[in-house]
Protein backbone atom coordinates (compact mmCIF):
# COMPACT_ATOMS: atom_id res chain seq x y z
CA UNK A 1 2.76 -2.36 10.34
CA UNK A 2 5.32 -4.80 11.69
CA UNK A 3 4.68 -8.48 12.25
CA UNK A 4 5.17 -7.96 16.00
CA UNK A 5 2.44 -5.33 16.10
CA UNK A 6 0.09 -7.50 14.04
CA UNK A 7 0.75 -10.36 16.47
CA UNK A 8 0.04 -8.10 19.45
CA UNK A 9 -3.25 -6.96 17.92
CA UNK A 10 -4.28 -10.53 17.07
CA UNK A 11 -3.38 -11.69 20.57
CA UNK A 12 -5.57 -9.02 22.14
CA UNK A 13 -8.58 -11.33 21.94
CA UNK A 14 -6.93 -14.44 23.32
CA UNK A 15 -3.78 -13.56 25.20
CA UNK A 16 -3.36 -12.91 28.90
CA UNK A 17 -3.93 -9.15 29.16
CA UNK A 18 -1.13 -8.34 31.60
CA UNK A 19 1.41 -10.35 29.63
CA UNK A 20 0.28 -8.62 26.43
CA UNK A 21 0.59 -5.21 28.09
CA UNK A 22 4.16 -6.02 29.13
CA UNK A 23 4.97 -7.16 25.61
CA UNK A 24 3.48 -4.00 24.13
CA UNK A 25 5.52 -1.87 26.56
CA UNK A 26 8.67 -3.64 25.37
CA UNK A 27 7.70 -3.05 21.73
CA UNK A 28 7.16 0.66 22.47
CA UNK A 29 10.63 0.86 24.03
CA UNK A 30 12.18 -0.86 21.00
CA UNK A 31 10.35 1.49 18.65
CA UNK A 32 11.48 4.56 20.62
CA UNK A 33 15.11 3.41 20.45
CA UNK A 34 14.84 2.80 16.71
CA UNK A 35 13.27 6.21 16.15
CA UNK A 36 15.98 7.96 18.16
CA UNK A 37 18.68 6.16 16.18
CA UNK A 38 17.16 7.21 12.87
CA UNK A 39 16.93 10.82 14.05
CA UNK A 40 20.63 10.68 15.00
CA UNK A 41 21.46 9.25 11.57
CA UNK A 42 19.38 11.93 9.83
CA UNK A 43 21.14 14.70 11.77
CA UNK A 44 24.54 13.16 11.01
CA UNK A 45 23.61 13.36 7.33
CA UNK A 46 22.71 17.04 7.75
CA UNK A 47 18.94 16.66 7.45
CA UNK A 48 17.14 19.62 8.97
CA UNK A 49 14.90 19.50 12.00
CA UNK A 50 12.07 20.54 9.66
CA UNK A 51 12.64 17.48 7.45
CA UNK A 52 12.90 15.16 10.45
CA UNK A 53 9.77 16.63 12.04
CA UNK A 54 7.91 16.25 8.75
CA UNK A 55 8.89 12.56 8.57
CA UNK A 56 7.68 12.07 12.16
CA UNK A 57 4.54 14.17 11.56
CA UNK A 58 5.33 16.43 14.51
CA UNK A 59 6.42 20.05 14.79
CA UNK A 60 10.05 21.08 14.37
CA UNK A 61 10.02 22.32 17.94
CA UNK A 62 8.74 18.98 19.25
CA UNK A 63 11.38 17.06 17.29
CA UNK A 64 14.18 19.30 18.53
CA UNK A 65 12.92 19.20 22.11
CA UNK A 66 12.72 15.41 22.11
CA UNK A 67 15.96 14.63 20.24
CA UNK A 68 18.01 17.83 20.12
CA UNK A 69 19.88 17.50 23.37
CA UNK A 70 21.04 13.90 23.00
C-alpha cells in the first residue's frame, strides 16, 4: 500500500470529507494511468493478455476489453 493511500485512510477520521473524496478521486485517476502504462509496457514486451489479466486478477476478456483498443 502506498504512502498516499495510507495517508488517505488515516485522514478519514480527521480530514474534511469532501476534500478527502476529491483527493481519493485524484489518486484513483493516477493509479488508473499507471496501470494503463504498465499494461502498454507489458504488451510491448510481448506478454500475453492471459499473463496481464493474471497480474491484475481479472479475466483475459476484461483486460483486453479495458486495454486492448488503446
